[in-house]
Amino acid sequence: MNADGLRRHCLRQPEAVEDFPFGENVSVFKVAGKMFALSMLAGKPLEVSVKCEPDLALQFRGSYEAIRPGYHLNKRHWNTITIGSDVPDRLVRDMIEDSYDLVVDALPRGTRERLRALR
């Protein structure tokens, strides 16, 4: 997965938008104003941070060298993944989708139901 593929996959989620609240070099992907992924797309190595269930976050960190606690994020709920190392691209895409779903699950019911229907 490269930076363009990462951006495309994040924006493929229903009503996802890219924002730059931390400066022009940090892409923040949001749904309904809430962040579900962020990345310095021009960074070397390419990394993405995603939200994760706390127990699952720990399991991923124990299974993959390239997954570590979220950089400058709540380490209980966020993981940072180094792309192109020991984490398969399919898993990275799944983790992005799971992060999106976690954010949607916490939205008000009407918004949540509308976004789930778009899935």
PDB file of N, CA and C in Angstrom:
ATOM      1  N   MET A   1       0.850  -1.172   0.000  1.00  0.00           N
ATOM      2  CA  MET A   1       0.000   0.000   0.000  1.00  0.00           C
ATOM      3  C   MET A   1       0.899   1.240   0.000  1.00  0.00           C
ATOM      4  N   ASN A   2       0.550   2.190  -0.845  1.00  0.00           N
ATOM      5  CA  ASN A   2       1.276   3.458  -0.875  1.00  0.00           C
ATOM      6  C   ASN A   2       0.376   4.570  -0.337  1.00  0.00           C
ATOM      7  N   ALA A   3       0.885   5.794  -0.311  1.00  0.00           N
ATOM      8  CA  ALA A   3       0.141   6.924   0.265  1.00  0.00           C
ATOM      9  C   ALA A   3      -1.162   7.171  -0.488  1.00  0.00           C
ATOM     10  N   ASP A   4      -1.133   7.092  -1.812  1.00  0.00           N
ATOM     11  CA  ASP A   4      -2.368   7.308  -2.582  1.00  0.00           C
ATOM     12  C   ASP A   4      -3.412   6.242  -2.274  1.00  0.00           C
ATOM     13  N   GLY A   5      -2.980   4.995  -2.160  1.00  0.00           N
ATOM     14  CA  GLY A   5      -3.905   3.916  -1.827  1.00  0.00           C
ATOM     15  C   GLY A   5      -4.473   4.070  -0.428  1.00  0.00           C
ATOM     16  N   LEU A   6      -3.644   4.513   0.496  1.00  0.00           N
ATOM     17  CA  LEU A   6      -4.105   4.742   1.860  1.00  0.00           C
ATOM     18  C   LEU A   6      -5.158   5.852   1.883  1.00  0.00           C
ATOM     19  N   ARG A   7      -4.888   6.956   1.222  1.00  0.00           N
ATOM     20  CA  ARG A   7      -5.841   8.066   1.150  1.00  0.00           C
ATOM     21  C   ARG A   7      -7.149   7.605   0.499  1.00  0.00           C
ATOM     22  N   ARG A   8      -7.037   6.911  -0.616  1.00  0.00           N
ATOM     23  CA  ARG A   8      -8.247   6.442  -1.319  1.00  0.00           C
ATOM     24  C   ARG A   8      -9.089   5.539  -0.431  1.00  0.00           C
ATOM     25  N   HIS A   9      -8.431   4.635   0.289  1.00  0.00           N
ATOM     26  CA  HIS A   9      -9.202   3.707   1.135  1.00  0.00           C
ATOM     27  C   HIS A   9      -9.902   4.454   2.268  1.00  0.00           C
ATOM     28  N   CYS A  10      -9.225   5.396   2.881  1.00  0.00           N
ATOM     29  CA  CYS A  10      -9.862   6.176   3.946  1.00  0.00           C
ATOM     30  C   CYS A  10     -11.059   6.958   3.401  1.00  0.00           C
ATOM     31  N   LEU A  11     -10.888   7.580   2.245  1.00  0.00           N
ATOM     32  CA  LEU A  11     -11.969   8.393   1.681  1.00  0.00           C
ATOM     33  C   LEU A  11     -13.080   7.546   1.057  1.00  0.00           C
ATOM     34  N   ARG A  12     -12.837   6.262   0.890  1.00  0.00           N
ATOM     35  CA  ARG A  12     -13.858   5.353   0.370  1.00  0.00           C
ATOM     36  C   ARG A  12     -14.937   5.047   1.419  1.00  0.00           C
ATOM     37  N   GLN A  13     -14.655   5.337   2.680  1.00  0.00           N
ATOM     38  CA  GLN A  13     -15.636   5.092   3.741  1.00  0.00           C
ATOM     39  C   GLN A  13     -16.762   6.114   3.583  1.00  0.00           C
ATOM     40  N   PRO A  14     -18.008   5.709   3.836  1.00  0.00           N
ATOM     41  CA  PRO A  14     -19.145   6.621   3.623  1.00  0.00           C
ATOM     42  C   PRO A  14     -18.985   7.962   4.343  1.00  0.00           C
ATOM     43  N   GLU A  15     -19.108   9.030   3.580  1.00  0.00           N
ATOM     44  CA  GLU A  15     -19.069  10.414   4.059  1.00  0.00           C
ATOM     45  C   GLU A  15     -17.764  10.795   4.749  1.00  0.00           C
ATOM     46  N   ALA A  16     -16.693  10.069   4.453  1.00  0.00           N
ATOM     47  CA  ALA A  16     -15.380  10.407   5.006  1.00  0.00           C
ATOM     48  C   ALA A  16     -14.839  11.643   4.307  1.00  0.00           C
ATOM     49  N   VAL A  17     -14.138  12.465   5.078  1.00  0.00           N
ATOM     50  CA  VAL A  17     -13.483  13.653   4.539  1.00  0.00           C
ATOM     51  C   VAL A  17     -12.056  13.702   5.046  1.00  0.00           C
ATOM     52  N   GLU A  18     -11.218  14.400   4.289  1.00  0.00           N
ATOM     53  CA  GLU A  18      -9.838  14.626   4.694  1.00  0.00           C
ATOM     54  C   GLU A  18      -9.721  16.067   5.184  1.00  0.00           C
ATOM     55  N   ASP A  19      -9.090  16.236   6.323  1.00  0.00           N
ATOM     56  CA  ASP A  19      -8.955  17.549   6.938  1.00  0.00           C
ATOM     57  C   ASP A  19      -7.491  17.711   7.362  1.00  0.00           C
ATOM     58  N   PHE A  20      -7.092  18.945   7.661  1.00  0.00           N
ATOM     59  CA  PHE A  20      -5.700  19.221   8.024  1.00  0.00           C
ATOM     60  C   PHE A  20      -5.614  20.098   9.277  1.00  0.00           C
ATOM     61  N   PRO A  21      -6.224  19.673  10.398  1.00  0.00           N
ATOM     62  CA  PRO A  21      -6.211  20.510  11.602  1.00  0.00           C
ATOM     63  C   PRO A  21      -4.841  20.615  12.274  1.00  0.00           C
ATOM     64  N   PHE A  22      -3.919  19.707  11.949  1.00  0.00           N
ATOM     65  CA  PHE A  22      -2.591  19.704  12.567  1.00  0.00           C
ATOM     66  C   PHE A  22      -1.522  20.224  11.615  1.00  0.00           C
ATOM     67  N   GLY A  23      -1.927  20.862  10.522  1.00  0.00           N
ATOM     68  CA  GLY A  23      -0.990  21.380   9.535  1.00  0.00           C
ATOM     69  C   GLY A  23      -1.131  20.654   8.220  1.00  0.00           C
ATOM     70  N   GLU A  24      -0.559  21.236   7.192  1.00  0.00           N
ATOM     71  CA  GLU A  24      -0.753  20.729   5.836  1.00  0.00           C
ATOM     72  C   GLU A  24      -0.110  19.379   5.574  1.00  0.00           C
ATOM     73  N   ASN A  25       0.765  18.913   6.464  1.00  0.00           N
ATOM     74  CA  ASN A  25       1.452  17.638   6.251  1.00  0.00           C
ATOM     75  C   ASN A  25       0.761  16.448   6.907  1.00  0.00           C
ATOM     76  N   VAL A  26      -0.265  16.705   7.715  1.00  0.00           N
ATOM     77  CA  VAL A  26      -0.927  15.613   8.439  1.00  0.00           C
ATOM     78  C   VAL A  26      -2.373  15.499   7.954  1.00  0.00           C
ATOM     79  N   SER A  27      -2.649  14.421   7.231  1.00  0.00           N
ATOM     80  CA  SER A  27      -4.010  14.158   6.769  1.00  0.00           C
ATOM     81  C   SER A  27      -4.798  13.499   7.887  1.00  0.00           C
ATOM     82  N   VAL A  28      -5.920  14.109   8.223  1.00  0.00           N
ATOM     83  CA  VAL A  28      -6.816  13.569   9.245  1.00  0.00           C
ATOM     84  C   VAL A  28      -8.103  13.181   8.536  1.00  0.00           C
ATOM     85  N   PHE A  29      -8.487  11.934   8.667  1.00  0.00           N
ATOM     86  CA  PHE A  29      -9.690  11.432   8.017  1.00  0.00           C
ATOM     87  C   PHE A  29     -10.797  11.352   9.060  1.00  0.00           C
ATOM     88  N   LYS A  30     -11.928  11.977   8.724  1.00  0.00           N
ATOM     89  CA  LYS A  30     -13.029  12.105   9.681  1.00  0.00           C
ATOM     90  C   LYS A  30     -14.336  11.656   9.065  1.00  0.00           C
ATOM     91  N   VAL A  31     -15.253  11.295   9.962  1.00  0.00           N
ATOM     92  CA  VAL A  31     -16.641  11.057   9.602  1.00  0.00           C
ATOM     93  C   VAL A  31     -17.471  11.805  10.641  1.00  0.00           C
ATOM     94  N   ALA A  32     -18.419  12.586  10.171  1.00  0.00           N
ATOM     95  CA  ALA A  32     -19.275  13.395  11.050  1.00  0.00           C
ATOM     96  C   ALA A  32     -18.439  14.234  12.024  1.00  0.00           C
ATOM     97  N   GLY A  33     -17.300  14.736  11.549  1.00  0.00           N
ATOM     98  CA  GLY A  33     -16.453  15.584  12.373  1.00  0.00           C
ATOM     99  C   GLY A  33     -15.556  14.859  13.352  1.00  0.00           C
ATOM    100  N   LYS A  34     -15.578  13.529  13.352  1.00  0.00           N
ATOM    101  CA  LYS A  34     -14.787  12.730  14.293  1.00  0.00           C
ATOM    102  C   LYS A  34     -13.687  11.977  13.551  1.00  0.00           C
ATOM    103  N   MET A  35     -12.487  12.006  14.105  1.00  0.00           N
ATOM    104  CA  MET A  35     -11.328  11.387  13.480  1.00  0.00           C
ATOM    105  C   MET A  35     -11.372   9.863  13.583  1.00  0.00           C
ATOM    106  N   PHE A  36     -11.084   9.195  12.446  1.00  0.00           N
ATOM    107  CA  PHE A  36     -10.940   7.735  12.483  1.00  0.00           C
ATOM    108  C   PHE A  36      -9.574   7.271  11.980  1.00  0.00           C
ATOM    109  N   ALA A  37      -8.810   8.150  11.336  1.00  0.00           N
ATOM    110  CA  ALA A  37      -7.457   7.799  10.887  1.00  0.00           C
ATOM    111  C   ALA A  37      -6.665   9.082  10.671  1.00  0.00           C
ATOM    112  N   LEU A  38      -5.357   8.979  10.850  1.00  0.00           N
ATOM    113  CA  LEU A  38      -4.502  10.097  10.489  1.00  0.00           C
ATOM    114  C   LEU A  38      -3.160   9.584  10.021  1.00  0.00           C
ATOM    115  N   SER A  39      -2.537  10.372   9.119  1.00  0.00           N
ATOM    116  CA  SER A  39      -1.282   9.949   8.532  1.00  0.00           C
ATOM    117  C   SER A  39      -0.530  11.145   7.971  1.00  0.00           C
ATOM    118  N   MET A  40       0.782  11.085   8.073  1.00  0.00           N
ATOM    119  CA  MET A  40       1.632  11.994   7.317  1.00  0.00           C
ATOM    120  C   MET A  40       1.909  11.262   6.008  1.00  0.00           C
ATOM    121  N   LEU A  41       1.096  11.515   5.006  1.00  0.00           N
ATOM    122  CA  LEU A  41       1.146  10.730   3.772  1.00  0.00           C
ATOM    123  C   LEU A  41       2.480  10.851   3.040  1.00  0.00           C
ATOM    124  N   ALA A  42       3.214  11.924   3.278  1.00  0.00           N
ATOM    125  CA  ALA A  42       4.525  12.080   2.645  1.00  0.00           C
ATOM    126  C   ALA A  42       5.645  11.547   3.540  1.00  0.00           C
ATOM    127  N   GLY A  43       5.287  11.035   4.703  1.00  0.00           N
ATOM    128  CA  GLY A  43       6.293  10.546   5.644  1.00  0.00           C
ATOM    129  C   GLY A  43       6.988   9.287   5.166  1.00  0.00           C
ATOM    130  N   LYS A  44       8.227   9.143   5.592  1.00  0.00           N
ATOM    131  CA  LYS A  44       9.010   7.944   5.294  1.00  0.00           C
ATOM    132  C   LYS A  44       9.496   7.381   6.627  1.00  0.00           C
ATOM    133  N   PRO A  45       9.100   6.220   7.032  1.00  0.00           N
ATOM    134  CA  PRO A  45       8.167   5.333   6.348  1.00  0.00           C
ATOM    135  C   PRO A  45       6.725   5.841   6.473  1.00  0.00           C
ATOM    136  N   LEU A  46       5.880   5.342   5.598  1.00  0.00           N
ATOM    137  CA  LEU A  46       4.465   5.682   5.636  1.00  0.00           C
ATOM    138  C   LEU A  46       3.826   5.003   6.846  1.00  0.00           C
ATOM    139  N   GLU A  47       3.085   5.793   7.624  1.00  0.00           N
ATOM    140  CA  GLU A  47       2.404   5.265   8.803  1.00  0.00           C
ATOM    141  C   GLU A  47       0.976   5.785   8.833  1.00  0.00           C
ATOM    142  N   VAL A  48       0.111   5.045   9.501  1.00  0.00           N
ATOM    143  CA  VAL A  48      -1.261   5.480   9.721  1.00  0.00           C
ATOM    144  C   VAL A  48      -1.644   5.108  11.149  1.00  0.00           C
ATOM    145  N   SER A  49      -2.381   5.995  11.783  1.00  0.00           N
ATOM    146  CA  SER A  49      -2.901   5.721  13.126  1.00  0.00           C
ATOM    147  C   SER A  49      -4.398   5.512  13.025  1.00  0.00           C
ATOM    148  N   VAL A  50      -4.889   4.479  13.716  1.00  0.00           N
ATOM    149  CA  VAL A  50      -6.304   4.129  13.673  1.00  0.00           C
ATOM    150  C   VAL A  50      -6.802   3.802  15.074  1.00  0.00           C
ATOM    151  N   LYS A  51      -8.086   4.011  15.258  1.00  0.00           N
ATOM    152  CA  LYS A  51      -8.731   3.679  16.526  1.00  0.00           C
ATOM    153  C   LYS A  51      -8.948   2.162  16.579  1.00  0.00           C
ATOM    154  N   CYS A  52      -8.925   1.610  17.801  1.00  0.00           N
ATOM    155  CA  CYS A  52      -9.038   0.163  17.941  1.00  0.00           C
ATOM    156  C   CYS A  52      -9.635  -0.166  19.312  1.00  0.00           C
ATOM    157  N   GLU A  53     -10.364  -1.251  19.394  1.00  0.00           N
ATOM    158  CA  GLU A  53     -10.830  -1.741  20.691  1.00  0.00           C
ATOM    159  C   GLU A  53      -9.593  -2.015  21.554  1.00  0.00           C
ATOM    160  N   PRO A  54      -9.589  -1.610  22.823  1.00  0.00           N
ATOM    161  CA  PRO A  54      -8.385  -1.736  23.649  1.00  0.00           C
ATOM    162  C   PRO A  54      -7.770  -3.142  23.712  1.00  0.00           C
ATOM    163  N   ASP A  55      -8.578  -4.171  23.899  1.00  0.00           N
ATOM    164  CA  ASP A  55      -8.022  -5.529  23.975  1.00  0.00           C
ATOM    165  C   ASP A  55      -7.436  -5.961  22.638  1.00  0.00           C
ATOM    166  N   LEU A  56      -8.117  -5.623  21.559  1.00  0.00           N
ATOM    167  CA  LEU A  56      -7.633  -5.961  20.224  1.00  0.00           C
ATOM    168  C   LEU A  56      -6.365  -5.170  19.898  1.00  0.00           C
ATOM    169  N   ALA A  57      -6.307  -3.919  20.343  1.00  0.00           N
ATOM    170  CA  ALA A  57      -5.109  -3.097  20.120  1.00  0.00           C
ATOM    171  C   ALA A  57      -3.886  -3.791  20.720  1.00  0.00           C
ATOM    172  N   LEU A  58      -4.035  -4.318  21.916  1.00  0.00           N
ATOM    173  CA  LEU A  58      -2.922  -5.023  22.564  1.00  0.00           C
ATOM    174  C   LEU A  58      -2.546  -6.297  21.811  1.00  0.00           C
ATOM    175  N   GLN A  59      -3.551  -7.017  21.321  1.00  0.00           N
ATOM    176  CA  GLN A  59      -3.269  -8.242  20.554  1.00  0.00           C
ATOM    177  C   GLN A  59      -2.490  -7.927  19.289  1.00  0.00           C
ATOM    178  N   PHE A  60      -2.891  -6.871  18.580  1.00  0.00           N
ATOM    179  CA  PHE A  60      -2.172  -6.487  17.359  1.00  0.00           C
ATOM    180  C   PHE A  60      -0.724  -6.118  17.681  1.00  0.00           C
ATOM    181  N   ARG A  61      -0.526  -5.357  18.756  1.00  0.00           N
ATOM    182  CA  ARG A  61       0.829  -4.939  19.130  1.00  0.00           C
ATOM    183  C   ARG A  61       1.709  -6.143  19.470  1.00  0.00           C
ATOM    184  N   GLY A  62       1.094  -7.168  20.056  1.00  0.00           N
ATOM    185  CA  GLY A  62       1.850  -8.365  20.390  1.00  0.00           C
ATOM    186  C   GLY A  62       2.110  -9.275  19.205  1.00  0.00           C
ATOM    187  N   SER A  63       1.346  -9.093  18.125  1.00  0.00           N
ATOM    188  CA  SER A  63       1.463  -9.968  16.960  1.00  0.00           C
ATOM    189  C   SER A  63       2.303  -9.380  15.825  1.00  0.00           C
ATOM    190  N   TYR A  64       2.422  -8.069  15.769  1.00  0.00           N
ATOM    191  CA  TYR A  64       3.113  -7.417  14.660  1.00  0.00           C
ATOM    192  C   TYR A  64       4.105  -6.381  15.184  1.00  0.00           C
ATOM    193  N   GLU A  65       5.335  -6.454  14.720  1.00  0.00           N
ATOM    194  CA  GLU A  65       6.348  -5.474  15.119  1.00  0.00           C
ATOM    195  C   GLU A  65       5.991  -4.071  14.647  1.00  0.00           C
ATOM    196  N   ALA A  66       5.283  -3.973  13.525  1.00  0.00           N
ATOM    197  CA  ALA A  66       4.985  -2.674  12.906  1.00  0.00           C
ATOM    198  C   ALA A  66       3.737  -2.005  13.484  1.00  0.00           C
ATOM    199  N   ILE A  67       3.141  -2.599  14.506  1.00  0.00           N
ATOM    200  CA  ILE A  67       1.992  -1.971  15.169  1.00  0.00           C
ATOM    201  C   ILE A  67       2.409  -1.628  16.589  1.00  0.00           C
ATOM    202  N   ARG A  68       2.247  -0.356  16.915  1.00  0.00           N
ATOM    203  CA  ARG A  68       2.638   0.117  18.238  1.00  0.00           C
ATOM    204  C   ARG A  68       1.570   1.079  18.763  1.00  0.00           C
ATOM    205  N   PRO A  69       1.646   1.458  20.026  1.00  0.00           N
ATOM    206  CA  PRO A  69       0.658   2.400  20.567  1.00  0.00           C
ATOM    207  C   PRO A  69       0.623   3.686  19.742  1.00  0.00           C
ATOM    208  N   GLY A  70      -0.551   4.275  19.638  1.00  0.00           N
ATOM    209  CA  GLY A  70      -0.745   5.478  18.838  1.00  0.00           C
ATOM    210  C   GLY A  70       0.202   6.603  19.229  1.00  0.00           C
ATOM    211  N   TYR A  71       0.852   7.166  18.232  1.00  0.00           N
ATOM    212  CA  TYR A  71       1.801   8.258  18.442  1.00  0.00           C
ATOM    213  C   TYR A  71       1.040   9.534  18.741  1.00  0.00           C
ATOM    214  N   HIS A  72       1.255  10.126  19.901  1.00  0.00           N
ATOM    215  CA  HIS A  72       0.573  11.348  20.351  1.00  0.00           C
ATOM    216  C   HIS A  72      -0.946  11.177  20.427  1.00  0.00           C
ATOM    217  N   LEU A  73      -1.395   9.975  20.710  1.00  0.00           N
ATOM    218  CA  LEU A  73      -2.831   9.671  20.815  1.00  0.00           C
ATOM    219  C   LEU A  73      -3.064   8.859  22.075  1.00  0.00           C
ATOM    220  N   ASN A  74      -4.320   8.645  22.425  1.00  0.00           N
ATOM    221  CA  ASN A  74      -4.662   7.806  23.569  1.00  0.00           C
ATOM    222  C   ASN A  74      -4.189   6.388  23.266  1.00  0.00           C
ATOM    223  N   LYS A  75      -3.154   5.956  23.949  1.00  0.00           N
ATOM    224  CA  LYS A  75      -2.515   4.678  23.639  1.00  0.00           C
ATOM    225  C   LYS A  75      -3.387   3.470  23.955  1.00  0.00           C
ATOM    226  N   ARG A  76      -4.427   3.663  24.706  1.00  0.00           N
ATOM    227  CA  ARG A  76      -5.348   2.569  24.995  1.00  0.00           C
ATOM    228  C   ARG A  76      -6.242   2.287  23.789  1.00  0.00           C
ATOM    229  N   HIS A  77      -6.561   3.327  23.026  1.00  0.00           N
ATOM    230  CA  HIS A  77      -7.543   3.204  21.944  1.00  0.00           C
ATOM    231  C   HIS A  77      -6.978   3.362  20.541  1.00  0.00           C
ATOM    232  N   TRP A  78      -5.722   3.749  20.409  1.00  0.00           N
ATOM    233  CA  TRP A  78      -5.162   4.022  19.084  1.00  0.00           C
ATOM    234  C   TRP A  78      -3.876   3.242  18.861  1.00  0.00           C
ATOM    235  N   ASN A  79      -3.731   2.723  17.631  1.00  0.00           N
ATOM    236  CA  ASN A  79      -2.505   2.075  17.195  1.00  0.00           C
ATOM    237  C   ASN A  79      -1.935   2.837  16.013  1.00  0.00           C
ATOM    238  N   THR A  80      -0.621   2.875  15.918  1.00  0.00           N
ATOM    239  CA  THR A  80       0.063   3.405  14.747  1.00  0.00           C
ATOM    240  C   THR A  80       0.700   2.233  14.019  1.00  0.00           C
ATOM    241  N   ILE A  81       0.458   2.164  12.710  1.00  0.00           N
ATOM    242  CA  ILE A  81       0.916   1.049  11.875  1.00  0.00           C
ATOM    243  C   ILE A  81       1.938   1.576  10.873  1.00  0.00           C
ATOM    244  N   THR A  82       3.082   0.915  10.783  1.00  0.00           N
ATOM    245  CA  THR A  82       4.052   1.226   9.736  1.00  0.00           C
ATOM    246  C   THR A  82       3.684   0.382   8.525  1.00  0.00           C
ATOM    247  N   ILE A  83       3.366   1.069   7.432  1.00  0.00           N
ATOM    248  CA  ILE A  83       2.935   0.402   6.204  1.00  0.00           C
ATOM    249  C   ILE A  83       4.138  -0.239   5.511  1.00  0.00           C
ATOM    250  N   GLY A  84       3.911  -1.408   4.920  1.00  0.00           N
ATOM    251  CA  GLY A  84       4.943  -2.048   4.118  1.00  0.00           C
ATOM    252  C   GLY A  84       5.904  -2.915   4.908  1.00  0.00           C
ATOM    253  N   SER A  85       5.602  -3.171   6.163  1.00  0.00           N
ATOM    254  CA  SER A  85       6.473  -4.043   6.939  1.00  0.00           C
ATOM    255  C   SER A  85       5.771  -5.378   7.158  1.00  0.00           C
ATOM    256  N   ASP A  86       5.611  -5.804   8.387  1.00  0.00           N
ATOM    257  CA  ASP A  86       5.057  -7.143   8.617  1.00  0.00           C
ATOM    258  C   ASP A  86       3.533  -7.189   8.691  1.00  0.00           C
ATOM    259  N   VAL A  87       2.855  -6.088   8.463  1.00  0.00           N
ATOM    260  CA  VAL A  87       1.389  -6.057   8.512  1.00  0.00           C
ATOM    261  C   VAL A  87       0.847  -6.134   7.076  1.00  0.00           C
ATOM    262  N   PRO A  88       0.071  -7.171   6.759  1.00  0.00           N
ATOM    263  CA  PRO A  88      -0.480  -7.282   5.405  1.00  0.00           C
ATOM    264  C   PRO A  88      -1.387  -6.096   5.067  1.00  0.00           C
ATOM    265  N   ASP A  89      -1.355  -5.673   3.815  1.00  0.00           N
ATOM    266  CA  ASP A  89      -2.196  -4.554   3.378  1.00  0.00           C
ATOM    267  C   ASP A  89      -3.671  -4.798   3.683  1.00  0.00           C
ATOM    268  N   ARG A  90      -4.127  -6.025   3.519  1.00  0.00           N
ATOM    269  CA  ARG A  90      -5.537  -6.331   3.792  1.00  0.00           C
ATOM    270  C   ARG A  90      -5.872  -6.039   5.247  1.00  0.00           C
ATOM    271  N   LEU A  91      -4.962  -6.359   6.158  1.00  0.00           N
ATOM    272  CA  LEU A  91      -5.193  -6.080   7.574  1.00  0.00           C
ATOM    273  C   LEU A  91      -5.223  -4.577   7.827  1.00  0.00           C
ATOM    274  N   VAL A  92      -4.345  -3.825   7.179  1.00  0.00           N
ATOM    275  CA  VAL A  92      -4.354  -2.366   7.327  1.00  0.00           C
ATOM    276  C   VAL A  92      -5.711  -1.825   6.879  1.00  0.00           C
ATOM    277  N   ARG A  93      -6.209  -2.275   5.729  1.00  0.00           N
ATOM    278  CA  ARG A  93      -7.522  -1.828   5.248  1.00  0.00           C
ATOM    279  C   ARG A  93      -8.627  -2.211   6.233  1.00  0.00           C
ATOM    280  N   ASP A  94      -8.558  -3.428   6.767  1.00  0.00           N
ATOM    281  CA  ASP A  94      -9.559  -3.868   7.750  1.00  0.00           C
ATOM    282  C   ASP A  94      -9.502  -3.003   9.015  1.00  0.00           C
ATOM    283  N   MET A  95      -8.304  -2.653   9.447  1.00  0.00           N
ATOM    284  CA  MET A  95      -8.163  -1.835  10.658  1.00  0.00           C
ATOM    285  C   MET A  95      -8.703  -0.421  10.435  1.00  0.00           C
ATOM    286  N   ILE A  96      -8.526   0.108   9.237  1.00  0.00           N
ATOM    287  CA  ILE A  96      -9.105   1.417   8.907  1.00  0.00           C
ATOM    288  C   ILE A  96     -10.623   1.336   8.958  1.00  0.00           C
ATOM    289  N   GLU A  97     -11.191   0.288   8.360  1.00  0.00           N
ATOM    290  CA  GLU A  97     -12.645   0.117   8.360  1.00  0.00           C
ATOM    291  C   GLU A  97     -13.179  -0.080   9.774  1.00  0.00           C
ATOM    292  N   ASP A  98     -12.458  -0.848  10.592  1.00  0.00           N
ATOM    293  CA  ASP A  98     -12.882  -1.054  11.983  1.00  0.00           C
ATOM    294  C   ASP A  98     -12.831   0.258  12.765  1.00  0.00           C
ATOM    295  N   SER A  99     -11.811   1.062  12.515  1.00  0.00           N
ATOM    296  CA  SER A  99     -11.697   2.357  13.176  1.00  0.00           C
ATOM    297  C   SER A  99     -12.879   3.245  12.801  1.00  0.00           C
ATOM    298  N   TYR A 100     -13.193   3.279  11.519  1.00  0.00           N
ATOM    299  CA  TYR A 100     -14.353   4.041  11.040  1.00  0.00           C
ATOM    300  C   TYR A 100     -15.619   3.560  11.754  1.00  0.00           C
ATOM    301  N   ASP A 101     -15.810   2.248  11.820  1.00  0.00           N
ATOM    302  CA  ASP A 101     -17.003   1.685  12.459  1.00  0.00           C
ATOM    303  C   ASP A 101     -17.079   2.040  13.941  1.00  0.00           C
ATOM    304  N   LEU A 102     -15.944   2.040  14.636  1.00  0.00           N
ATOM    305  CA  LEU A 102     -15.933   2.423  16.052  1.00  0.00           C
ATOM    306  C   LEU A 102     -16.384   3.865  16.230  1.00  0.00           C
ATOM    307  N   VAL A 103     -15.938   4.736  15.350  1.00  0.00           N
ATOM    308  CA  VAL A 103     -16.336   6.141  15.431  1.00  0.00           C
ATOM    309  C   VAL A 103     -17.821   6.274  15.127  1.00  0.00           C
ATOM    310  N   VAL A 104     -18.294   5.595  14.094  1.00  0.00           N
ATOM    311  CA  VAL A 104     -19.717   5.652  13.735  1.00  0.00           C
ATOM    312  C   VAL A 104     -20.570   5.127  14.885  1.00  0.00           C
ATOM    313  N   ASP A 105     -20.132   4.065  15.544  1.00  0.00           N
ATOM    314  CA  ASP A 105     -20.897   3.485  16.655  1.00  0.00           C
ATOM    315  C   ASP A 105     -21.117   4.473  17.801  1.00  0.00           C
ATOM    316  N   ALA A 106     -20.246   5.475  17.923  1.00  0.00           N
ATOM    317  CA  ALA A 106     -20.356   6.444  19.016  1.00  0.00           C
ATOM    318  C   ALA A 106     -21.130   7.700  18.618  1.00  0.00           C
ATOM    319  N   LEU A 107     -21.606   7.765  17.391  1.00  0.00           N
ATOM    320  CA  LEU A 107     -22.346   8.938  16.914  1.00  0.00           C
ATOM    321  C   LEU A 107     -23.813   8.869  17.353  1.00  0.00           C
ATOM    322  N   PRO A 108     -24.501   9.991  17.317  1.00  0.00           N
ATOM    323  CA  PRO A 108     -25.939   9.972  17.631  1.00  0.00           C
ATOM    324  C   PRO A 108     -26.683   8.974  16.735  1.00  0.00           C
ATOM    325  N   ARG A 109     -27.743   8.410  17.264  1.00  0.00           N
ATOM    326  CA  ARG A 109     -28.443   7.313  16.607  1.00  0.00           C
ATOM    327  C   ARG A 109     -28.832   7.607  15.159  1.00  0.00           C
ATOM    328  N   GLY A 110     -29.386   8.757  14.891  1.00  0.00           N
ATOM    329  CA  GLY A 110     -29.814   9.074  13.531  1.00  0.00           C
ATOM    330  C   GLY A 110     -28.655   9.085  12.551  1.00  0.00           C
ATOM    331  N   THR A 111     -27.571   9.702  12.938  1.00  0.00           N
ATOM    332  CA  THR A 111     -26.375   9.750  12.097  1.00  0.00           C
ATOM    333  C   THR A 111     -25.791   8.353  11.929  1.00  0.00           C
ATOM    334  N   ARG A 112     -25.714   7.633  13.034  1.00  0.00           N
ATOM    335  CA  ARG A 112     -25.176   6.271  13.026  1.00  0.00           C
ATOM    336  C   ARG A 112     -25.969   5.374  12.074  1.00  0.00           C
ATOM    337  N   GLU A 113     -27.277   5.421  12.166  1.00  0.00           N
ATOM    338  CA  GLU A 113     -28.121   4.572  11.310  1.00  0.00           C
ATOM    339  C   GLU A 113     -27.981   4.949   9.840  1.00  0.00           C
ATOM    340  N   ARG A 114     -27.907   6.254   9.556  1.00  0.00           N
ATOM    341  CA  ARG A 114     -27.760   6.707   8.169  1.00  0.00           C
ATOM    342  C   ARG A 114     -26.440   6.227   7.584  1.00  0.00           C
ATOM    343  N   LEU A 115     -25.354   6.347   8.353  1.00  0.00           N
ATOM    344  CA  LEU A 115     -24.041   5.915   7.856  1.00  0.00           C
ATOM    345  C   LEU A 115     -23.949   4.405   7.714  1.00  0.00           C
ATOM    346  N   ARG A 116     -24.544   3.688   8.624  1.00  0.00           N
ATOM    347  CA  ARG A 116     -24.550   2.212   8.510  1.00  0.00           C
ATOM    348  C   ARG A 116     -25.314   1.770   7.267  1.00  0.00           C
ATOM    349  N   ALA A 117     -26.376   2.482   6.936  1.00  0.00           N
ATOM    350  CA  ALA A 117     -27.151   2.134   5.737  1.00  0.00           C
ATOM    351  C   ALA A 117     -26.339   2.356   4.472  1.00  0.00           C
ATOM    352  N   LEU A 118     -25.379   3.251   4.506  1.00  0.00           N
ATOM    353  CA  LEU A 118     -24.529   3.503   3.337  1.00  0.00           C
ATOM    354  C   LEU A 118     -23.445   2.447   3.153  1.00  0.00           C
ATOM    355  N   ARG A 119     -23.194   1.676   4.185  1.00  0.00           N
ATOM    356  CA  ARG A 119     -22.174   0.615   4.111  1.00  0.00           C
ATOM    357  C   ARG A 119     -22.677  -0.429   3.173  1.00  0.00           C
TER     358      ARG A 119
END
